[in-house]
Amino acid sequence: MVEKVITLENISLVDFLGTGNQNIKQLAAAFPSSKIISRGNEIKIQGQTPEIIKIHDILSSLIDHYHKFGKLTQNSVNRYLSSDPLLDDEEVITAPDVIVYGVKGGMIKAKTPNQQKLVDAVAKNDLVFALGPAGTGKTYISVAMAVRALKNKEVKKIIISRPVVEAGESLGFLPGDMKDKVDPYLRPIYDALEDMIPIEKLKYYQENKIIEIAPLAYMRGRTLNNAFVLLDEAQNTTPAQIKMFLTRMGPTAKVLVNGDRSQIDLPRNQRSGLMEALHILKDIKGIGFVEMTAEDVVRHRLVRDIVNAYTKLDEERRAARDENEATDGDRGNGRRKTFEVVSKN
């Protein structure tokens, strides 16, 4: 016997549970092998694991429904009971400004004009590149659009990847198996998914390969079809890696590539595949490009100032480098002219 407790937050118990707890009684009647008990703002579920997962998933959907419509009726409960919620999301996202509803019922939507440009670009193009500094919401908005596409049955699966670049230490010296070693690199993606999909359902999706999260190297040799595919931190790909990734794109895939020019962690002598791809693909029709700036930073207010400070430093260094190269060029021309004069004499 397994027990699970769900706490109802920011919810009117009368509107959610129904008169005399009728909505919960209706749910309990559909699962006679389990016990569903409502006490105050907590709902306790007791039973076997597979059935508890189903009940929890239905309750999560009912909570999302309540936050969207402000009430819950017996018809609503019947609708969510009529299909297996693990395989069929009944609630299609239709609100034009809402990307998806979070686990706690909150609305996830674009918060800045450039975030909205990213949402629009994905709607219009099968391949989109999104560039911008840390904190602009690239990863979070991208994951939200992937979850929306899955919920709306526009795709059958989500595939999320990022290159694993060692920063100061070798993966070989980190403890655990390969999953343990690469999971820290993928943590931002897990965090976003857990905001949008109940943890039990997310586990089910991963176990059944409906959602795949893997290092970029795992994409080799595959055809990515009927899927929403996200490549995050693409500035750390090599030219060969990003070419490999982009040529995996199947005829019914939606591909989104995110990157940050200011955070390239590759060795100094290694070109960024993302920077090369942007140059090569810039004139191809059907590919969307969205540029975000420090104005799109949605983290702590200081993050925007930090990004601006580092951007200013990069610009100053770039200008100094260009000036040095120009000076060296002039010196080279002077030496060549002197040599020509001496030769003529």
Protein backbone atom coordinates (compact mmCIF):
# COMPACT_ATOMS: atom_id res chain seq x y z
CA MET A 1 0.00 0.00 0.00
CA VAL A 2 1.38 3.39 -1.08
CA GLU A 3 0.17 6.79 0.13
CA LYS A 4 0.28 10.13 -1.66
CA VAL A 5 -0.86 13.50 -0.29
CA ILE A 6 -1.82 16.45 -2.50
CA THR A 7 -2.12 19.92 -0.96
CA LEU A 8 -4.62 22.30 -2.56
CA GLU A 9 -3.12 25.80 -2.66
CA ASN A 10 -4.95 29.00 -3.66
CA ILE A 11 -8.11 26.99 -4.29
CA SER A 12 -11.66 27.47 -3.01
CA LEU A 13 -12.43 24.06 -1.47
CA VAL A 14 -16.17 24.40 -2.09
CA ASP A 15 -15.67 25.19 -5.78
CA PHE A 16 -13.08 22.44 -6.25
CA LEU A 17 -14.42 19.59 -4.09
CA GLY A 18 -18.06 20.28 -4.88
CA THR A 19 -21.06 20.31 -2.52
CA GLY A 20 -20.60 17.56 0.04
CA ASN A 21 -17.25 16.65 -1.60
CA GLN A 22 -19.25 15.30 -4.57
CA ASN A 23 -16.40 15.76 -7.06
CA ILE A 24 -13.96 13.76 -4.94
CA LYS A 25 -16.56 11.06 -4.27
CA GLN A 26 -17.07 10.82 -8.03
CA LEU A 27 -13.33 10.36 -8.50
CA ALA A 28 -13.16 7.77 -5.69
CA ALA A 29 -16.02 5.77 -7.24
CA ALA A 30 -13.99 5.41 -10.44
CA PHE A 31 -11.12 3.79 -8.50
CA PRO A 32 -12.72 1.41 -5.97
CA SER A 33 -9.41 -0.36 -5.28
CA SER A 34 -7.93 2.84 -3.84
CA LYS A 35 -8.90 5.20 -1.04
CA ILE A 36 -9.28 8.94 -1.72
CA ILE A 37 -9.79 10.99 1.42
CA SER A 38 -10.33 14.75 1.58
CA ARG A 39 -9.39 16.55 4.80
CA GLY A 40 -9.17 20.32 4.83
CA ASN A 41 -6.96 21.41 1.94
CA GLU A 42 -5.32 17.98 1.62
CA ILE A 43 -6.34 15.02 -0.50
CA LYS A 44 -4.85 11.68 0.58
CA ILE A 45 -4.61 8.80 -1.89
CA GLN A 46 -3.90 5.22 -0.74
CA GLY A 47 -3.49 2.24 -3.06
CA GLN A 48 -1.15 0.53 -5.49
CA THR A 49 1.43 2.60 -7.37
CA PRO A 50 0.03 2.33 -10.96
CA GLU A 51 -3.44 3.45 -9.85
CA ILE A 52 -2.10 6.19 -7.59
CA ILE A 53 -0.20 7.61 -10.57
CA LYS A 54 -3.42 7.74 -12.60
CA ILE A 55 -5.39 9.34 -9.77
CA HIS A 56 -2.67 11.90 -9.10
CA ASP A 57 -2.51 12.75 -12.79
CA ILE A 58 -6.27 13.26 -12.99
CA LEU A 59 -6.21 15.45 -9.88
CA SER A 60 -3.39 17.53 -11.38
CA SER A 61 -5.48 18.01 -14.53
CA LEU A 62 -8.50 18.97 -12.41
CA ILE A 63 -6.39 21.52 -10.53
CA ASP A 64 -5.19 22.98 -13.86
CA HIS A 65 -8.81 23.09 -15.02
CA TYR A 66 -9.90 24.89 -11.85
CA HIS A 67 -7.19 27.54 -12.18
CA LYS A 68 -8.15 28.12 -15.81
CA PHE A 69 -11.94 28.29 -15.39
CA GLY A 70 -12.38 29.09 -11.68
CA LYS A 71 -14.67 26.14 -11.00
CA LEU A 72 -15.03 22.39 -11.26
CA THR A 73 -18.24 20.57 -12.15
CA GLN A 74 -19.23 16.90 -12.22
CA ASN A 75 -19.13 17.08 -16.03
CA SER A 76 -15.54 18.27 -15.83
CA VAL A 77 -14.64 15.35 -13.58
CA ASN A 78 -16.37 12.93 -15.96
CA ARG A 79 -14.42 14.34 -18.88
CA TYR A 80 -11.08 13.71 -17.20
CA LEU A 81 -12.19 10.25 -16.08
CA SER A 82 -13.28 9.24 -19.57
CA SER A 83 -9.75 8.76 -20.92
CA ASP A 84 -6.36 7.64 -19.67
CA PRO A 85 -4.72 10.95 -18.68
CA LEU A 86 -1.27 9.49 -19.08
CA LEU A 87 -1.84 9.00 -22.77
CA ASP A 88 -4.43 11.60 -23.72
CA ASP A 89 -4.39 15.20 -22.57
CA GLU A 90 -8.02 16.25 -22.89
CA GLU A 91 -7.33 19.92 -22.29
CA VAL A 92 -5.96 21.56 -25.41
CA ILE A 93 -4.33 24.94 -24.90
CA THR A 94 -6.42 27.46 -26.82
CA ALA A 95 -5.79 30.81 -25.12
CA PRO A 96 -3.73 32.87 -27.59
CA ASP A 97 -1.32 34.33 -25.02
CA VAL A 98 -0.89 31.23 -22.82
CA ILE A 99 1.77 28.76 -23.89
CA VAL A 100 0.95 26.13 -21.27
CA TYR A 101 -0.41 25.82 -17.72
CA GLY A 102 2.05 24.96 -14.97
CA VAL A 103 1.78 22.13 -12.46
CA LYS A 104 0.30 24.54 -9.89
CA GLY A 105 -2.10 26.01 -12.41
CA GLY A 106 -0.14 29.15 -13.20
CA MET A 107 -0.17 30.51 -16.74
CA ILE A 108 3.15 30.29 -18.57
CA LYS A 109 3.36 32.96 -21.26
CA ALA A 110 5.83 35.25 -23.00
CA LYS A 111 6.86 38.09 -20.68
CA THR A 112 8.76 40.30 -23.13
CA PRO A 113 8.29 41.33 -26.80
CA ASN A 114 11.26 39.22 -27.91
CA GLN A 115 9.98 36.17 -26.04
CA GLN A 116 6.72 36.64 -27.96
CA LYS A 117 8.74 36.90 -31.19
CA LEU A 118 10.23 33.51 -30.34
CA VAL A 119 6.77 32.01 -29.81
CA ASP A 120 5.59 33.46 -33.13
CA ALA A 121 8.72 32.32 -34.98
CA VAL A 122 8.23 28.72 -33.82
CA ALA A 123 4.62 28.84 -34.99
CA LYS A 124 5.69 29.99 -38.48
CA ASN A 125 8.91 28.00 -39.04
CA ASP A 126 10.04 24.39 -38.64
CA LEU A 127 13.58 25.51 -37.73
CA VAL A 128 14.28 28.47 -35.43
CA PHE A 129 17.49 29.87 -33.93
CA ALA A 130 17.12 31.85 -30.68
CA LEU A 131 20.11 33.90 -29.48
CA GLY A 132 20.44 35.79 -26.24
CA PRO A 133 22.28 36.16 -22.93
CA ALA A 134 21.59 34.23 -19.73
CA GLY A 135 18.29 34.92 -18.00
CA THR A 136 16.27 35.85 -21.09
CA GLY A 137 14.05 32.76 -20.74
CA LYS A 138 15.21 31.00 -23.91
CA THR A 139 15.27 27.53 -22.37
CA TYR A 140 12.13 27.96 -20.28
CA ILE A 141 9.98 29.34 -23.10
CA SER A 142 11.35 26.71 -25.49
CA VAL A 143 10.48 23.85 -23.12
CA ALA A 144 7.01 25.36 -22.61
CA MET A 145 6.39 25.38 -26.37
CA ALA A 146 7.55 21.77 -26.60
CA VAL A 147 5.16 20.75 -23.81
CA ARG A 148 2.34 22.68 -25.49
CA ALA A 149 2.98 20.89 -28.80
CA LEU A 150 2.85 17.52 -27.04
CA LYS A 151 -0.34 18.36 -25.13
CA ASN A 152 -2.00 19.63 -28.30
CA LYS A 153 -0.95 16.43 -30.12
CA GLU A 154 1.02 18.39 -32.71
CA VAL A 155 3.93 16.00 -32.05
CA LYS A 156 4.27 12.54 -30.55
CA LYS A 157 7.40 13.20 -28.52
CA ILE A 158 9.81 15.79 -27.18
CA ILE A 159 13.56 15.44 -27.66
CA ILE A 160 15.81 17.84 -25.74
CA SER A 161 19.58 17.88 -26.01
CA ARG A 162 22.62 19.98 -25.22
CA PRO A 163 26.34 19.52 -25.77
CA VAL A 164 28.30 18.39 -22.74
CA VAL A 165 31.35 20.63 -22.47
CA GLU A 166 33.78 19.90 -19.66
CA ALA A 167 34.55 23.07 -17.70
CA GLY A 168 37.70 22.59 -15.69
CA GLU A 169 37.28 18.91 -14.90
CA SER A 170 36.93 15.69 -16.83
CA LEU A 171 33.65 13.80 -16.84
CA GLY A 172 35.67 10.64 -16.40
CA PHE A 173 36.62 11.69 -12.87
CA LEU A 174 33.06 12.44 -11.78
CA PRO A 175 31.29 9.71 -9.75
CA GLY A 176 28.47 7.53 -11.08
CA ASP A 177 27.41 6.21 -14.47
CA MET A 178 27.01 8.34 -17.63
CA LYS A 179 23.53 9.53 -16.61
CA ASP A 180 24.86 10.70 -13.25
CA LYS A 181 27.69 12.52 -15.00
CA VAL A 182 25.62 14.40 -17.58
CA ASP A 183 22.46 15.11 -15.55
CA PRO A 184 23.95 18.27 -13.94
CA TYR A 185 24.37 19.71 -17.45
CA LEU A 186 20.69 18.99 -18.16
CA ARG A 187 19.34 20.25 -14.81
CA PRO A 188 17.84 23.51 -16.19
CA ILE A 189 15.77 21.43 -18.60
CA TYR A 190 14.52 19.11 -15.85
CA ASP A 191 13.62 22.13 -13.71
CA ALA A 192 11.53 23.63 -16.52
CA LEU A 193 9.76 20.34 -17.26
CA GLU A 194 8.94 19.79 -13.58
CA ASP A 195 7.26 23.21 -13.52
CA MET A 196 4.97 22.15 -16.36
CA ILE A 197 4.34 18.41 -15.96
CA PRO A 198 3.47 16.55 -12.72
CA ILE A 199 6.48 14.57 -11.55
CA GLU A 200 4.78 11.16 -11.86
CA LYS A 201 3.63 11.95 -15.38
CA LEU A 202 7.06 13.24 -16.36
CA LYS A 203 8.60 9.99 -15.10
CA TYR A 204 6.06 8.02 -17.16
CA TYR A 205 6.85 10.07 -20.28
CA GLN A 206 10.58 9.52 -19.86
CA GLU A 207 10.25 5.79 -19.20
CA ASN A 208 8.19 5.43 -22.38
CA LYS A 209 10.45 7.66 -24.51
CA ILE A 210 7.73 10.26 -25.01
CA ILE A 211 10.15 12.79 -23.56
CA GLU A 212 13.86 12.20 -24.18
CA ILE A 213 16.61 14.27 -22.59
CA ALA A 214 20.11 13.34 -23.70
CA PRO A 215 23.56 14.72 -24.57
CA LEU A 216 24.05 15.81 -28.16
CA ALA A 217 26.28 12.83 -28.95
CA TYR A 218 23.26 10.53 -28.56
CA MET A 219 21.59 12.14 -31.60
CA ARG A 220 24.05 10.68 -34.10
CA GLY A 221 22.54 8.25 -36.60
CA ARG A 222 18.91 9.09 -35.72
CA THR A 223 16.12 10.64 -37.76
CA LEU A 224 14.22 13.05 -35.54
CA ASN A 225 10.66 12.87 -36.84
CA ASN A 226 7.18 13.79 -35.55
CA ALA A 227 8.87 15.45 -32.60
CA PHE A 228 9.60 18.82 -31.06
CA VAL A 229 13.39 18.90 -30.87
CA LEU A 230 15.28 21.44 -28.75
CA LEU A 231 19.05 21.92 -28.86
CA ASP A 232 20.06 24.08 -25.90
CA GLU A 233 23.42 25.81 -25.27
CA ALA A 234 24.22 25.37 -28.97
CA GLN A 235 27.10 27.87 -28.80
CA ASN A 236 29.14 24.99 -27.36
CA THR A 237 28.70 22.73 -30.39
CA THR A 238 31.47 22.22 -32.91
CA PRO A 239 30.70 22.79 -36.62
CA ALA A 240 30.57 19.01 -37.14
CA GLN A 241 28.20 18.51 -34.20
CA ILE A 242 25.65 21.12 -35.23
CA LYS A 243 25.74 19.91 -38.84
CA MET A 244 25.09 16.38 -37.57
CA PHE A 245 22.19 17.62 -35.45
CA LEU A 246 20.51 19.75 -38.12
CA THR A 247 20.71 16.97 -40.70
CA ARG A 248 18.82 14.64 -38.33
CA MET A 249 15.67 16.72 -38.91
CA GLY A 250 12.75 14.63 -40.22
CA PRO A 251 9.92 15.86 -42.48
CA THR A 252 7.47 16.41 -39.60
CA ALA A 253 9.85 17.75 -36.96
CA LYS A 254 9.90 21.13 -35.26
CA VAL A 255 13.44 22.15 -34.31
CA LEU A 256 14.53 24.97 -32.01
CA VAL A 257 18.21 25.86 -31.47
CA ASN A 258 19.16 28.08 -28.50
CA GLY A 259 22.49 29.74 -27.85
CA ASP A 260 24.40 32.53 -26.16
CA ARG A 261 27.29 34.18 -28.00
CA SER A 262 28.78 35.43 -24.73
CA GLN A 263 29.10 32.01 -23.07
CA ILE A 264 31.17 29.89 -25.44
CA ASP A 265 33.06 27.32 -23.35
CA LEU A 266 34.91 25.62 -26.20
CA PRO A 267 38.72 25.59 -26.31
CA ARG A 268 40.23 28.78 -27.78
CA ASN A 269 41.26 27.08 -31.03
CA GLN A 270 37.80 25.55 -31.59
CA ARG A 271 35.17 27.39 -33.65
CA SER A 272 31.58 27.50 -32.41
CA GLY A 273 29.29 25.47 -34.65
CA LEU A 274 26.39 27.78 -33.83
CA MET A 275 28.24 30.90 -35.00
CA GLU A 276 29.17 29.15 -38.25
CA ALA A 277 25.61 27.88 -38.77
CA LEU A 278 24.16 31.37 -38.30
CA HIS A 279 26.44 32.68 -41.03
CA ILE A 280 25.82 29.81 -43.46
CA LEU A 281 22.03 29.56 -43.01
CA LYS A 282 21.09 33.26 -42.66
CA ASP A 283 19.63 33.57 -46.18
CA ILE A 284 17.63 30.32 -46.28
CA LYS A 285 13.87 30.88 -46.37
CA GLY A 286 11.84 28.98 -43.80
CA ILE A 287 14.36 29.38 -40.99
CA GLY A 288 13.49 31.80 -38.18
CA PHE A 289 16.01 33.89 -36.25
CA VAL A 290 15.21 35.64 -32.96
CA GLU A 291 17.69 37.85 -31.09
CA MET A 292 17.18 38.54 -27.39
CA THR A 293 18.95 41.22 -25.35
CA ALA A 294 19.53 42.20 -21.74
CA GLU A 295 16.11 43.90 -21.87
CA ASP A 296 14.56 40.42 -21.98
CA VAL A 297 16.22 39.24 -18.75
CA VAL A 298 13.48 38.04 -16.39
CA ARG A 299 15.65 37.02 -13.42
CA HIS A 300 16.76 39.30 -10.57
CA ARG A 301 17.05 42.96 -11.66
CA LEU A 302 20.83 42.81 -11.10
CA VAL A 303 21.22 40.12 -13.77
CA ARG A 304 20.35 42.66 -16.48
CA ASP A 305 23.02 45.05 -15.19
CA ILE A 306 25.55 42.20 -15.00
CA VAL A 307 24.80 41.18 -18.59
CA ASN A 308 25.15 44.77 -19.78
CA ALA A 309 28.48 45.16 -17.94
CA TYR A 310 29.93 42.04 -19.54
CA THR A 311 28.56 43.03 -22.96
CA LYS A 312 30.30 46.40 -22.64
CA LEU A 313 33.56 44.65 -21.68
CA ASP A 314 33.30 42.30 -24.69
CA GLU A 315 32.73 45.28 -27.00
CA GLU A 316 35.76 47.10 -25.57
CA ARG A 317 37.96 44.04 -25.99
CA ARG A 318 36.70 43.51 -29.54
CA ALA A 319 37.41 47.14 -30.42
CA ALA A 320 40.92 46.89 -28.92
CA ARG A 321 41.59 43.67 -30.83
CA ASP A 322 40.44 45.25 -34.11
CA GLU A 323 42.64 48.28 -33.45
CA ASN A 324 45.68 46.07 -32.77
CA GLU A 325 45.06 44.08 -35.94
CA ALA A 326 44.77 47.30 -37.94
CA THR A 327 48.01 48.63 -36.42
CA ASP A 328 49.82 45.38 -37.18
CA GLY A 329 48.52 45.58 -40.75
CA ASP A 330 49.85 49.12 -41.18
CA ARG A 331 53.24 48.07 -39.84
CA GLY A 332 53.30 45.16 -42.26
CA ASN A 333 52.50 47.49 -45.18
CA GLY A 334 55.27 49.85 -44.06
CA ARG A 335 57.80 47.04 -43.99
CA ARG A 336 56.75 45.92 -47.46
CA LYS A 337 57.09 49.48 -48.84
CA THR A 338 60.56 49.88 -47.30
CA PHE A 339 61.60 46.57 -48.79
CA GLU A 340 60.37 47.69 -52.23
CA VAL A 341 62.35 50.95 -52.01
CA VAL A 342 65.53 49.16 -50.97
CA SER A 343 65.10 46.62 -53.77
CA LYS A 344 64.72 49.35 -56.39
CA ASN A 345 67.84 51.10 -55.19
